[in-house]
Amino acid sequence: MLHPKFAEIKKGDQIVLYGTGDKVLIGIFEIVSDMETLRNDEYWSDTPIFKIKPAVMPTDGFFVDWKKLFFNDSFTFKLFPEKNKLTYKIWNHYIHTLDSQDFETIKSAILSHKYETSA
């Protein structure tokens, strides 16, 4: 079953990819294709996919340490208004819509290189 938020993604959108196991932001990517399904693909097996390209990325070989950014007192995220009550809703495979302020905070953090880790 297709996640409802996944169905809203369209060509030209920008997305932030999050690596759940290491709790890192991989970068910001642009959607460069319409959704497609690779029928009988050995890896994706009928899962809808998009083609993406890097848009805003950390230094090669690095990621953004999400916990370091998230718990920095200089930032607040509308998606997570109460840092001390952070749930596990981002630790698994979820899709969240970011408002422009949260998106710009993440973009600025990536461009600053202050929160990079080699994971």
PDB file of N, CA and C in Angstrom:
ATOM      1  N   MET A   1       0.842  -1.188   0.000  1.00  0.00           N
ATOM      2  CA  MET A   1       0.000   0.000   0.000  1.00  0.00           C
ATOM      3  C   MET A   1       0.881   1.242   0.000  1.00  0.00           C
ATOM      4  N   LEU A   2       0.556   2.210  -0.800  1.00  0.00           N
ATOM      5  CA  LEU A   2       1.318   3.432  -0.947  1.00  0.00           C
ATOM      6  C   LEU A   2       1.012   4.384   0.208  1.00  0.00           C
ATOM      7  N   HIS A   3       2.067   4.887   0.864  1.00  0.00           N
ATOM      8  CA  HIS A   3       1.897   5.871   1.938  1.00  0.00           C
ATOM      9  C   HIS A   3       1.252   7.125   1.340  1.00  0.00           C
ATOM     10  N   PRO A   4       0.224   7.672   1.987  1.00  0.00           N
ATOM     11  CA  PRO A   4      -0.482   8.837   1.425  1.00  0.00           C
ATOM     12  C   PRO A   4       0.434  10.028   1.140  1.00  0.00           C
ATOM     13  N   LYS A   5       1.414  10.291   2.003  1.00  0.00           N
ATOM     14  CA  LYS A   5       2.344  11.413   1.782  1.00  0.00           C
ATOM     15  C   LYS A   5       3.252  11.141   0.590  1.00  0.00           C
ATOM     16  N   PHE A   6       3.622   9.899   0.380  1.00  0.00           N
ATOM     17  CA  PHE A   6       4.457   9.533  -0.763  1.00  0.00           C
ATOM     18  C   PHE A   6       3.722   9.849  -2.057  1.00  0.00           C
ATOM     19  N   ALA A   7       2.440   9.635  -2.063  1.00  0.00           N
ATOM     20  CA  ALA A   7       1.618   9.890  -3.248  1.00  0.00           C
ATOM     21  C   ALA A   7       1.537  11.378  -3.589  1.00  0.00           C
ATOM     22  N   GLU A   8       1.808  12.253  -2.608  1.00  0.00           N
ATOM     23  CA  GLU A   8       1.749  13.708  -2.831  1.00  0.00           C
ATOM     24  C   GLU A   8       3.025  14.260  -3.459  1.00  0.00           C
ATOM     25  N   ILE A   9       4.102  13.502  -3.435  1.00  0.00           N
ATOM     26  CA  ILE A   9       5.382  13.970  -3.970  1.00  0.00           C
ATOM     27  C   ILE A   9       5.282  14.082  -5.487  1.00  0.00           C
ATOM     28  N   LYS A  10       5.890  15.162  -6.008  1.00  0.00           N
ATOM     29  CA  LYS A  10       5.851  15.350  -7.462  1.00  0.00           C
ATOM     30  C   LYS A  10       7.193  15.861  -7.968  1.00  0.00           C
ATOM     31  N   LYS A  11       7.387  15.712  -9.243  1.00  0.00           N
ATOM     32  CA  LYS A  11       8.609  16.174  -9.911  1.00  0.00           C
ATOM     33  C   LYS A  11       8.829  17.642  -9.586  1.00  0.00           C
ATOM     34  N   GLY A  12      10.065  17.998  -9.215  1.00  0.00           N
ATOM     35  CA  GLY A  12      10.406  19.371  -8.860  1.00  0.00           C
ATOM     36  C   GLY A  12      10.435  19.620  -7.355  1.00  0.00           C
ATOM     37  N   ASP A  13       9.801  18.749  -6.573  1.00  0.00           N
ATOM     38  CA  ASP A  13       9.834  18.883  -5.113  1.00  0.00           C
ATOM     39  C   ASP A  13      11.245  18.632  -4.602  1.00  0.00           C
ATOM     40  N   GLN A  14      11.518  19.179  -3.425  1.00  0.00           N
ATOM     41  CA  GLN A  14      12.771  18.874  -2.748  1.00  0.00           C
ATOM     42  C   GLN A  14      12.444  18.087  -1.485  1.00  0.00           C
ATOM     43  N   ILE A  15      13.294  17.104  -1.199  1.00  0.00           N
ATOM     44  CA  ILE A  15      13.077  16.253  -0.033  1.00  0.00           C
ATOM     45  C   ILE A  15      14.356  16.188   0.790  1.00  0.00           C
ATOM     46  N   VAL A  16      14.196  15.988   2.081  1.00  0.00           N
ATOM     47  CA  VAL A  16      15.326  15.758   2.976  1.00  0.00           C
ATOM     48  C   VAL A  16      15.346  14.266   3.263  1.00  0.00           C
ATOM     49  N   LEU A  17      16.474  13.627   2.983  1.00  0.00           N
ATOM     50  CA  LEU A  17      16.591  12.193   3.268  1.00  0.00           C
ATOM     51  C   LEU A  17      17.272  12.008   4.613  1.00  0.00           C
ATOM     52  N   TYR A  18      16.672  11.138   5.411  1.00  0.00           N
ATOM     53  CA  TYR A  18      17.130  10.864   6.768  1.00  0.00           C
ATOM     54  C   TYR A  18      17.538   9.403   6.867  1.00  0.00           C
ATOM     55  N   GLY A  19      18.732   9.144   7.380  1.00  0.00           N
ATOM     56  CA  GLY A  19      19.204   7.777   7.585  1.00  0.00           C
ATOM     57  C   GLY A  19      18.839   7.311   8.982  1.00  0.00           C
ATOM     58  N   THR A  20      17.843   6.431   9.069  1.00  0.00           N
ATOM     59  CA  THR A  20      17.276   6.065  10.366  1.00  0.00           C
ATOM     60  C   THR A  20      18.266   5.383  11.297  1.00  0.00           C
ATOM     61  N   GLY A  21      19.065   4.467  10.797  1.00  0.00           N
ATOM     62  CA  GLY A  21      19.960   3.723  11.673  1.00  0.00           C
ATOM     63  C   GLY A  21      20.995   4.596  12.356  1.00  0.00           C
ATOM     64  N   ASP A  22      21.571   5.527  11.613  1.00  0.00           N
ATOM     65  CA  ASP A  22      22.616   6.394  12.161  1.00  0.00           C
ATOM     66  C   ASP A  22      22.079   7.733  12.657  1.00  0.00           C
ATOM     67  N   LYS A  23      20.795   7.987  12.456  1.00  0.00           N
ATOM     68  CA  LYS A  23      20.162   9.254  12.847  1.00  0.00           C
ATOM     69  C   LYS A  23      20.910  10.451  12.242  1.00  0.00           C
ATOM     70  N   VAL A  24      21.057  10.390  10.923  1.00  0.00           N
ATOM     71  CA  VAL A  24      21.743  11.450  10.187  1.00  0.00           C
ATOM     72  C   VAL A  24      20.875  11.939   9.030  1.00  0.00           C
ATOM     73  N   LEU A  25      21.082  13.190   8.676  1.00  0.00           N
ATOM     74  CA  LEU A  25      20.476  13.725   7.462  1.00  0.00           C
ATOM     75  C   LEU A  25      21.476  13.491   6.341  1.00  0.00           C
ATOM     76  N   ILE A  26      21.024  12.848   5.294  1.00  0.00           N
ATOM     77  CA  ILE A  26      21.902  12.521   4.172  1.00  0.00           C
ATOM     78  C   ILE A  26      22.074  13.730   3.268  1.00  0.00           C
ATOM     79  N   GLY A  27      21.016  14.503   3.120  1.00  0.00           N
ATOM     80  CA  GLY A  27      21.071  15.699   2.295  1.00  0.00           C
ATOM     81  C   GLY A  27      19.700  16.052   1.771  1.00  0.00           C
ATOM     82  N   ILE A  28      19.669  17.094   0.966  1.00  0.00           N
ATOM     83  CA  ILE A  28      18.437  17.536   0.306  1.00  0.00           C
ATOM     84  C   ILE A  28      18.543  17.133  -1.159  1.00  0.00           C
ATOM     85  N   PHE A  29      17.493  16.512  -1.652  1.00  0.00           N
ATOM     86  CA  PHE A  29      17.472  16.010  -3.015  1.00  0.00           C
ATOM     87  C   PHE A  29      16.272  16.581  -3.759  1.00  0.00           C
ATOM     88  N   GLU A  30      16.423  16.721  -5.066  1.00  0.00           N
ATOM     89  CA  GLU A  30      15.319  17.157  -5.922  1.00  0.00           C
ATOM     90  C   GLU A  30      14.719  15.942  -6.618  1.00  0.00           C
ATOM     91  N   ILE A  31      13.404  15.905  -6.655  1.00  0.00           N
ATOM     92  CA  ILE A  31      12.696  14.852  -7.395  1.00  0.00           C
ATOM     93  C   ILE A  31      12.768  15.224  -8.873  1.00  0.00           C
ATOM     94  N   VAL A  32      13.336  14.342  -9.696  1.00  0.00           N
ATOM     95  CA  VAL A  32      13.534  14.668 -11.113  1.00  0.00           C
ATOM     96  C   VAL A  32      12.720  13.796 -12.062  1.00  0.00           C
ATOM     97  N   SER A  33      11.805  13.004 -11.494  1.00  0.00           N
ATOM     98  CA  SER A  33      10.945  12.187 -12.357  1.00  0.00           C
ATOM     99  C   SER A  33       9.569  12.091 -11.725  1.00  0.00           C
ATOM    100  N   ASP A  34       8.632  11.685 -12.525  1.00  0.00           N
ATOM    101  CA  ASP A  34       7.332  11.343 -11.973  1.00  0.00           C
ATOM    102  C   ASP A  34       7.469   9.993 -11.276  1.00  0.00           C
ATOM    103  N   MET A  35       6.498   9.657 -10.430  1.00  0.00           N
ATOM    104  CA  MET A  35       6.517   8.355  -9.775  1.00  0.00           C
ATOM    105  C   MET A  35       6.387   7.276 -10.838  1.00  0.00           C
ATOM    106  N   GLU A  36       7.153   6.215 -10.666  1.00  0.00           N
ATOM    107  CA  GLU A  36       7.046   5.078 -11.565  1.00  0.00           C
ATOM    108  C   GLU A  36       7.168   3.794 -10.764  1.00  0.00           C
ATOM    109  N   THR A  37       6.714   2.731 -11.337  1.00  0.00           N
ATOM    110  CA  THR A  37       6.831   1.418 -10.710  1.00  0.00           C
ATOM    111  C   THR A  37       7.643   0.528 -11.625  1.00  0.00           C
ATOM    112  N   LEU A  38       8.684  -0.043 -11.072  1.00  0.00           N
ATOM    113  CA  LEU A  38       9.540  -0.944 -11.846  1.00  0.00           C
ATOM    114  C   LEU A  38       9.006  -2.355 -11.675  1.00  0.00           C
ATOM    115  N   ARG A  39       8.177  -2.758 -12.586  1.00  0.00           N
ATOM    116  CA  ARG A  39       7.526  -4.065 -12.508  1.00  0.00           C
ATOM    117  C   ARG A  39       8.558  -5.187 -12.521  1.00  0.00           C
ATOM    118  N   ASN A  40       8.402  -6.102 -11.594  1.00  0.00           N
ATOM    119  CA  ASN A  40       9.246  -7.287 -11.506  1.00  0.00           C
ATOM    120  C   ASN A  40      10.736  -6.980 -11.341  1.00  0.00           C
ATOM    121  N   ASP A  41      11.059  -5.831 -10.766  1.00  0.00           N
ATOM    122  CA  ASP A  41      12.448  -5.478 -10.509  1.00  0.00           C
ATOM    123  C   ASP A  41      12.965  -6.310  -9.333  1.00  0.00           C
ATOM    124  N   GLU A  42      14.168  -6.851  -9.431  1.00  0.00           N
ATOM    125  CA  GLU A  42      14.672  -7.731  -8.377  1.00  0.00           C
ATOM    126  C   GLU A  42      14.908  -6.993  -7.060  1.00  0.00           C
ATOM    127  N   TYR A  43      15.132  -5.683  -7.095  1.00  0.00           N
ATOM    128  CA  TYR A  43      15.375  -4.932  -5.865  1.00  0.00           C
ATOM    129  C   TYR A  43      14.137  -4.213  -5.357  1.00  0.00           C
ATOM    130  N   TRP A  44      13.348  -3.645  -6.254  1.00  0.00           N
ATOM    131  CA  TRP A  44      12.211  -2.819  -5.833  1.00  0.00           C
ATOM    132  C   TRP A  44      10.885  -3.556  -5.896  1.00  0.00           C
ATOM    133  N   SER A  45      10.807  -4.636  -6.586  1.00  0.00           N
ATOM    134  CA  SER A  45       9.624  -5.504  -6.697  1.00  0.00           C
ATOM    135  C   SER A  45       8.290  -4.770  -6.600  1.00  0.00           C
ATOM    136  N   ASP A  46       7.983  -4.042  -7.615  1.00  0.00           N
ATOM    137  CA  ASP A  46       6.694  -3.349  -7.758  1.00  0.00           C
ATOM    138  C   ASP A  46       6.478  -2.206  -6.762  1.00  0.00           C
ATOM    139  N   THR A  47       7.546  -1.708  -6.147  1.00  0.00           N
ATOM    140  CA  THR A  47       7.444  -0.560  -5.247  1.00  0.00           C
ATOM    141  C   THR A  47       7.542   0.720  -6.070  1.00  0.00           C
ATOM    142  N   PRO A  48       6.640   1.670  -5.875  1.00  0.00           N
ATOM    143  CA  PRO A  48       6.750   2.946  -6.593  1.00  0.00           C
ATOM    144  C   PRO A  48       8.032   3.692  -6.194  1.00  0.00           C
ATOM    145  N   ILE A  49       8.685   4.306  -7.160  1.00  0.00           N
ATOM    146  CA  ILE A  49       9.941   5.024  -6.909  1.00  0.00           C
ATOM    147  C   ILE A  49       9.921   6.370  -7.626  1.00  0.00           C
ATOM    148  N   PHE A  50      10.857   7.228  -7.239  1.00  0.00           N
ATOM    149  CA  PHE A  50      11.158   8.478  -7.926  1.00  0.00           C
ATOM    150  C   PHE A  50      12.650   8.490  -8.216  1.00  0.00           C
ATOM    151  N   LYS A  51      13.044   9.164  -9.268  1.00  0.00           N
ATOM    152  CA  LYS A  51      14.455   9.431  -9.503  1.00  0.00           C
ATOM    153  C   LYS A  51      14.765  10.759  -8.810  1.00  0.00           C
ATOM    154  N   ILE A  52      15.936  10.817  -8.155  1.00  0.00           N
ATOM    155  CA  ILE A  52      16.319  12.017  -7.423  1.00  0.00           C
ATOM    156  C   ILE A  52      17.734  12.429  -7.812  1.00  0.00           C
ATOM    157  N   LYS A  53      18.051  13.699  -7.542  1.00  0.00           N
ATOM    158  CA  LYS A  53      19.423  14.173  -7.720  1.00  0.00           C
ATOM    159  C   LYS A  53      19.776  15.052  -6.522  1.00  0.00           C
ATOM    160  N   PRO A  54      21.052  15.046  -6.116  1.00  0.00           N
ATOM    161  CA  PRO A  54      21.472  15.871  -4.980  1.00  0.00           C
ATOM    162  C   PRO A  54      21.247  17.354  -5.268  1.00  0.00           C
ATOM    163  N   ALA A  55      20.758  18.072  -4.251  1.00  0.00           N
ATOM    164  CA  ALA A  55      20.544  19.517  -4.384  1.00  0.00           C
ATOM    165  C   ALA A  55      21.405  20.287  -3.386  1.00  0.00           C
ATOM    166  N   VAL A  56      21.340  19.925  -2.109  1.00  0.00           N
ATOM    167  CA  VAL A  56      22.146  20.549  -1.062  1.00  0.00           C
ATOM    168  C   VAL A  56      22.712  19.418  -0.213  1.00  0.00           C
ATOM    169  N   MET A  57      24.032  19.297  -0.228  1.00  0.00           N
ATOM    170  CA  MET A  57      24.656  18.137   0.404  1.00  0.00           C
ATOM    171  C   MET A  57      25.758  18.559   1.377  1.00  0.00           C
ATOM    172  N   PRO A  58      25.989  17.722   2.402  1.00  0.00           N
ATOM    173  CA  PRO A  58      27.148  17.937   3.270  1.00  0.00           C
ATOM    174  C   PRO A  58      28.436  17.682   2.480  1.00  0.00           C
ATOM    175  N   THR A  59      29.555  17.914   3.132  1.00  0.00           N
ATOM    176  CA  THR A  59      30.858  17.609   2.541  1.00  0.00           C
ATOM    177  C   THR A  59      30.884  16.134   2.136  1.00  0.00           C
ATOM    178  N   ASP A  60      31.522  15.817   1.011  1.00  0.00           N
ATOM    179  CA  ASP A  60      31.619  14.426   0.559  1.00  0.00           C
ATOM    180  C   ASP A  60      32.114  13.526   1.691  1.00  0.00           C
ATOM    181  N   GLY A  61      31.428  12.415   1.885  1.00  0.00           N
ATOM    182  CA  GLY A  61      31.807  11.458   2.913  1.00  0.00           C
ATOM    183  C   GLY A  61      31.245  11.768   4.297  1.00  0.00           C
ATOM    184  N   PHE A  62      30.457  12.851   4.410  1.00  0.00           N
ATOM    185  CA  PHE A  62      29.894  13.239   5.696  1.00  0.00           C
ATOM    186  C   PHE A  62      28.374  13.316   5.614  1.00  0.00           C
ATOM    187  N   PHE A  63      27.759  13.368   6.787  1.00  0.00           N
ATOM    188  CA  PHE A  63      26.317  13.514   6.943  1.00  0.00           C
ATOM    189  C   PHE A  63      26.075  14.574   7.998  1.00  0.00           C
ATOM    190  N   VAL A  64      24.830  14.994   8.158  1.00  0.00           N
ATOM    191  CA  VAL A  64      24.479  15.921   9.235  1.00  0.00           C
ATOM    192  C   VAL A  64      23.985  15.098  10.423  1.00  0.00           C
ATOM    193  N   ASP A  65      24.619  15.281  11.561  1.00  0.00           N
ATOM    194  CA  ASP A  65      24.230  14.591  12.788  1.00  0.00           C
ATOM    195  C   ASP A  65      22.903  15.185  13.264  1.00  0.00           C
ATOM    196  N   TRP A  66      21.820  14.450  13.060  1.00  0.00           N
ATOM    197  CA  TRP A  66      20.481  14.957  13.356  1.00  0.00           C
ATOM    198  C   TRP A  66      20.311  15.304  14.835  1.00  0.00           C
ATOM    199  N   LYS A  67      20.801  14.457  15.714  1.00  0.00           N
ATOM    200  CA  LYS A  67      20.617  14.713  17.145  1.00  0.00           C
ATOM    201  C   LYS A  67      21.388  15.959  17.578  1.00  0.00           C
ATOM    202  N   LYS A  68      22.564  16.166  17.045  1.00  0.00           N
ATOM    203  CA  LYS A  68      23.367  17.351  17.362  1.00  0.00           C
ATOM    204  C   LYS A  68      22.636  18.621  16.906  1.00  0.00           C
ATOM    205  N   LEU A  69      22.064  18.580  15.724  1.00  0.00           N
ATOM    206  CA  LEU A  69      21.299  19.716  15.211  1.00  0.00           C
ATOM    207  C   LEU A  69      19.999  19.886  15.989  1.00  0.00           C
ATOM    208  N   PHE A  70      19.273  18.811  16.140  1.00  0.00           N
ATOM    209  CA  PHE A  70      17.959  18.866  16.768  1.00  0.00           C
ATOM    210  C   PHE A  70      18.015  19.399  18.201  1.00  0.00           C
ATOM    211  N   PHE A  71      18.986  18.945  18.971  1.00  0.00           N
ATOM    212  CA  PHE A  71      19.053  19.340  20.380  1.00  0.00           C
ATOM    213  C   PHE A  71      19.850  20.613  20.620  1.00  0.00           C
ATOM    214  N   ASN A  72      20.308  21.271  19.562  1.00  0.00           N
ATOM    215  CA  ASN A  72      20.960  22.564  19.700  1.00  0.00           C
ATOM    216  C   ASN A  72      19.909  23.579  20.139  1.00  0.00           C
ATOM    217  N   ASP A  73      20.181  24.300  21.214  1.00  0.00           N
ATOM    218  CA  ASP A  73      19.213  25.255  21.755  1.00  0.00           C
ATOM    219  C   ASP A  73      18.926  26.434  20.824  1.00  0.00           C
ATOM    220  N   SER A  74      19.750  26.620  19.803  1.00  0.00           N
ATOM    221  CA  SER A  74      19.544  27.727  18.858  1.00  0.00           C
ATOM    222  C   SER A  74      18.414  27.462  17.877  1.00  0.00           C
ATOM    223  N   PHE A  75      17.964  26.205  17.802  1.00  0.00           N
ATOM    224  CA  PHE A  75      16.972  25.845  16.800  1.00  0.00           C
ATOM    225  C   PHE A  75      15.704  25.292  17.430  1.00  0.00           C
ATOM    226  N   THR A  76      14.610  25.565  16.760  1.00  0.00           N
ATOM    227  CA  THR A  76      13.348  24.897  17.072  1.00  0.00           C
ATOM    228  C   THR A  76      12.787  24.383  15.755  1.00  0.00           C
ATOM    229  N   PHE A  77      12.060  23.314  15.833  1.00  0.00           N
ATOM    230  CA  PHE A  77      11.447  22.748  14.643  1.00  0.00           C
ATOM    231  C   PHE A  77       9.947  22.675  14.872  1.00  0.00           C
ATOM    232  N   LYS A  78       9.180  23.260  13.969  1.00  0.00           N
ATOM    233  CA  LYS A  78       7.721  23.224  14.102  1.00  0.00           C
ATOM    234  C   LYS A  78       7.185  21.797  14.074  1.00  0.00           C
ATOM    235  N   LEU A  79       7.871  20.925  13.343  1.00  0.00           N
ATOM    236  CA  LEU A  79       7.445  19.533  13.265  1.00  0.00           C
ATOM    237  C   LEU A  79       7.565  18.844  14.633  1.00  0.00           C
ATOM    238  N   PHE A  80       8.514  19.317  15.455  1.00  0.00           N
ATOM    239  CA  PHE A  80       8.763  18.746  16.788  1.00  0.00           C
ATOM    240  C   PHE A  80       8.797  19.873  17.821  1.00  0.00           C
ATOM    241  N   PRO A  81       7.643  20.390  18.206  1.00  0.00           N
ATOM    242  CA  PRO A  81       7.614  21.572  19.079  1.00  0.00           C
ATOM    243  C   PRO A  81       8.160  21.336  20.494  1.00  0.00           C
ATOM    244  N   GLU A  82       8.131  20.122  20.983  1.00  0.00           N
ATOM    245  CA  GLU A  82       8.620  19.850  22.331  1.00  0.00           C
ATOM    246  C   GLU A  82       9.794  18.870  22.262  1.00  0.00           C
ATOM    247  N   LYS A  83      11.010  19.429  22.222  1.00  0.00           N
ATOM    248  CA  LYS A  83      12.205  18.587  22.075  1.00  0.00           C
ATOM    249  C   LYS A  83      12.318  17.537  23.174  1.00  0.00           C
ATOM    250  N   ASN A  84      11.973  17.915  24.382  1.00  0.00           N
ATOM    251  CA  ASN A  84      12.129  16.980  25.498  1.00  0.00           C
ATOM    252  C   ASN A  84      11.118  15.849  25.460  1.00  0.00           C
ATOM    253  N   LYS A  85      10.132  15.930  24.571  1.00  0.00           N
ATOM    254  CA  LYS A  85       9.142  14.860  24.432  1.00  0.00           C
ATOM    255  C   LYS A  85       9.226  14.209  23.044  1.00  0.00           C
ATOM    256  N   LEU A  86      10.433  14.264  22.481  1.00  0.00           N
ATOM    257  CA  LEU A  86      10.624  13.699  21.150  1.00  0.00           C
ATOM    258  C   LEU A  86      10.246  12.228  21.155  1.00  0.00           C
ATOM    259  N   THR A  87       9.385  11.871  20.247  1.00  0.00           N
ATOM    260  CA  THR A  87       8.981  10.473  20.129  1.00  0.00           C
ATOM    261  C   THR A  87       9.838   9.793  19.068  1.00  0.00           C
ATOM    262  N   TYR A  88       9.565   8.563  18.849  1.00  0.00           N
ATOM    263  CA  TYR A  88      10.316   7.808  17.856  1.00  0.00           C
ATOM    264  C   TYR A  88       9.731   7.940  16.458  1.00  0.00           C
ATOM    265  N   LYS A  89       8.920   8.948  16.216  1.00  0.00           N
ATOM    266  CA  LYS A  89       8.262   9.025  14.920  1.00  0.00           C
ATOM    267  C   LYS A  89       9.207   9.308  13.762  1.00  0.00           C
ATOM    268  N   ILE A  90      10.440   9.704  14.013  1.00  0.00           N
ATOM    269  CA  ILE A  90      11.381   9.864  12.902  1.00  0.00           C
ATOM    270  C   ILE A  90      12.405   8.749  12.853  1.00  0.00           C
ATOM    271  N   TRP A  91      12.422   7.870  13.836  1.00  0.00           N
ATOM    272  CA  TRP A  91      13.445   6.838  13.857  1.00  0.00           C
ATOM    273  C   TRP A  91      13.112   5.687  12.912  1.00  0.00           C
ATOM    274  N   ASN A  92      11.909   5.620  12.441  1.00  0.00           N
ATOM    275  CA  ASN A  92      11.518   4.549  11.531  1.00  0.00           C
ATOM    276  C   ASN A  92      11.295   5.113  10.131  1.00  0.00           C
ATOM    277  N   HIS A  93      10.507   4.450   9.331  1.00  0.00           N
ATOM    278  CA  HIS A  93      10.281   4.879   7.952  1.00  0.00           C
ATOM    279  C   HIS A  93       9.010   5.718   7.881  1.00  0.00           C
ATOM    280  N   TYR A  94       9.169   6.995   8.036  1.00  0.00           N
ATOM    281  CA  TYR A  94       8.024   7.895   8.005  1.00  0.00           C
ATOM    282  C   TYR A  94       8.276   9.010   7.011  1.00  0.00           C
ATOM    283  N   ILE A  95       7.194   9.603   6.564  1.00  0.00           N
ATOM    284  CA  ILE A  95       7.269  10.752   5.676  1.00  0.00           C
ATOM    285  C   ILE A  95       6.551  11.891   6.374  1.00  0.00           C
ATOM    286  N   HIS A  96       7.237  13.027   6.495  1.00  0.00           N
ATOM    287  CA  HIS A  96       6.654  14.206   7.121  1.00  0.00           C
ATOM    288  C   HIS A  96       6.801  15.386   6.175  1.00  0.00           C
ATOM    289  N   THR A  97       5.794  16.214   6.118  1.00  0.00           N
ATOM    290  CA  THR A  97       5.878  17.456   5.375  1.00  0.00           C
ATOM    291  C   THR A  97       6.575  18.487   6.253  1.00  0.00           C
ATOM    292  N   LEU A  98       7.604  19.122   5.723  1.00  0.00           N
ATOM    293  CA  LEU A  98       8.301  20.172   6.460  1.00  0.00           C
ATOM    294  C   LEU A  98       7.770  21.521   6.039  1.00  0.00           C
ATOM    295  N   ASP A  99       7.547  22.407   6.999  1.00  0.00           N
ATOM    296  CA  ASP A  99       7.190  23.763   6.614  1.00  0.00           C
ATOM    297  C   ASP A  99       8.469  24.475   6.155  1.00  0.00           C
ATOM    298  N   SER A 100       8.324  25.651   5.581  1.00  0.00           N
ATOM    299  CA  SER A 100       9.474  26.340   4.991  1.00  0.00           C
ATOM    300  C   SER A 100      10.531  26.691   6.035  1.00  0.00           C
ATOM    301  N   GLN A 101      10.122  26.998   7.260  1.00  0.00           N
ATOM    302  CA  GLN A 101      11.089  27.348   8.308  1.00  0.00           C
ATOM    303  C   GLN A 101      11.951  26.138   8.678  1.00  0.00           C
ATOM    304  N   ASP A 102      11.337  24.990   8.889  1.00  0.00           N
ATOM    305  CA  ASP A 102      12.094  23.780   9.207  1.00  0.00           C
ATOM    306  C   ASP A 102      13.015  23.395   8.050  1.00  0.00           C
ATOM    307  N   PHE A 103      12.510  23.499   6.830  1.00  0.00           N
ATOM    308  CA  PHE A 103      13.317  23.173   5.655  1.00  0.00           C
ATOM    309  C   PHE A 103      14.541  24.093   5.577  1.00  0.00           C
ATOM    310  N   GLU A 104      14.329  25.392   5.767  1.00  0.00           N
ATOM    311  CA  GLU A 104      15.438  26.354   5.686  1.00  0.00           C
ATOM    312  C   GLU A 104      16.434  26.154   6.824  1.00  0.00           C
ATOM    313  N   THR A 105      15.964  25.767   8.002  1.00  0.00           N
ATOM    314  CA  THR A 105      16.866  25.472   9.119  1.00  0.00           C
ATOM    315  C   THR A 105      17.776  24.305   8.755  1.00  0.00           C
ATOM    316  N   ILE A 106      17.191  23.266   8.194  1.00  0.00           N
ATOM    317  CA  ILE A 106      17.980  22.098   7.781  1.00  0.00           C
ATOM    318  C   ILE A 106      18.942  22.467   6.659  1.00  0.00           C
ATOM    319  N   LYS A 107      18.468  23.224   5.690  1.00  0.00           N
ATOM    320  CA  LYS A 107      19.321  23.646   4.576  1.00  0.00           C
ATOM    321  C   LYS A 107      20.506  24.469   5.083  1.00  0.00           C
ATOM    322  N   SER A 108      20.253  25.407   5.982  1.00  0.00           N
ATOM    323  CA  SER A 108      21.329  26.236   6.549  1.00  0.00           C
ATOM    324  C   SER A 108      22.324  25.390   7.332  1.00  0.00           C
ATOM    325  N   ALA A 109      21.816  24.406   8.062  1.00  0.00           N
ATOM    326  CA  ALA A 109      22.700  23.519   8.830  1.00  0.00           C
ATOM    327  C   ALA A 109      23.607  22.725   7.901  1.00  0.00           C
ATOM    328  N   ILE A 110      23.054  22.245   6.799  1.00  0.00           N
ATOM    329  CA  ILE A 110      23.879  21.496   5.834  1.00  0.00           C
ATOM    330  C   ILE A 110      24.955  22.411   5.255  1.00  0.00           C
ATOM    331  N   LEU A 111      24.556  23.611   4.868  1.00  0.00           N
ATOM    332  CA  LEU A 111      25.507  24.537   4.245  1.00  0.00           C
ATOM    333  C   LEU A 111      26.568  25.042   5.222  1.00  0.00           C
ATOM    334  N   SER A 112      26.255  25.072   6.508  1.00  0.00           N
ATOM    335  CA  SER A 112      27.222  25.566   7.505  1.00  0.00           C
ATOM    336  C   SER A 112      28.338  24.554   7.796  1.00  0.00           C
ATOM    337  N   HIS A 113      28.065  23.277   7.560  1.00  0.00           N
ATOM    338  CA  HIS A 113      29.017  22.183   7.822  1.00  0.00           C
ATOM    339  C   HIS A 113      29.327  22.009   9.310  1.00  0.00           C
ATOM    340  N   LYS A 114      28.599  22.690  10.210  1.00  0.00           N
ATOM    341  CA  LYS A 114      28.861  22.635  11.652  1.00  0.00           C
ATOM    342  C   LYS A 114      28.426  21.326  12.297  1.00  0.00           C
ATOM    343  N   TYR A 115      27.497  20.636  11.680  1.00  0.00           N
ATOM    344  CA  TYR A 115      26.899  19.465  12.310  1.00  0.00           C
ATOM    345  C   TYR A 115      27.280  18.157  11.616  1.00  0.00           C
ATOM    346  N   GLU A 116      28.358  18.217  10.853  1.00  0.00           N
ATOM    347  CA  GLU A 116      28.752  17.053  10.074  1.00  0.00           C
ATOM    348  C   GLU A 116      29.376  15.960  10.933  1.00  0.00           C
ATOM    349  N   THR A 117      29.137  14.752  10.499  1.00  0.00           N
ATOM    350  CA  THR A 117      29.725  13.567  11.111  1.00  0.00           C
ATOM    351  C   THR A 117      30.015  12.572   9.998  1.00  0.00           C
ATOM    352  N   SER A 118      30.984  11.720  10.245  1.00  0.00           N
ATOM    353  CA  SER A 118      31.261  10.682   9.246  1.00  0.00           C
ATOM    354  C   SER A 118      30.454   9.422   9.541  1.00  0.00           C
ATOM    355  N   ALA A 119      29.536   9.517  10.517  1.00  0.00           N
ATOM    356  CA  ALA A 119      28.589   8.458  10.942  1.00  0.00           C
ATOM    357  C   ALA A 119      29.234   7.256  11.500  1.00  0.00           C
TER     358      ALA A 119
END
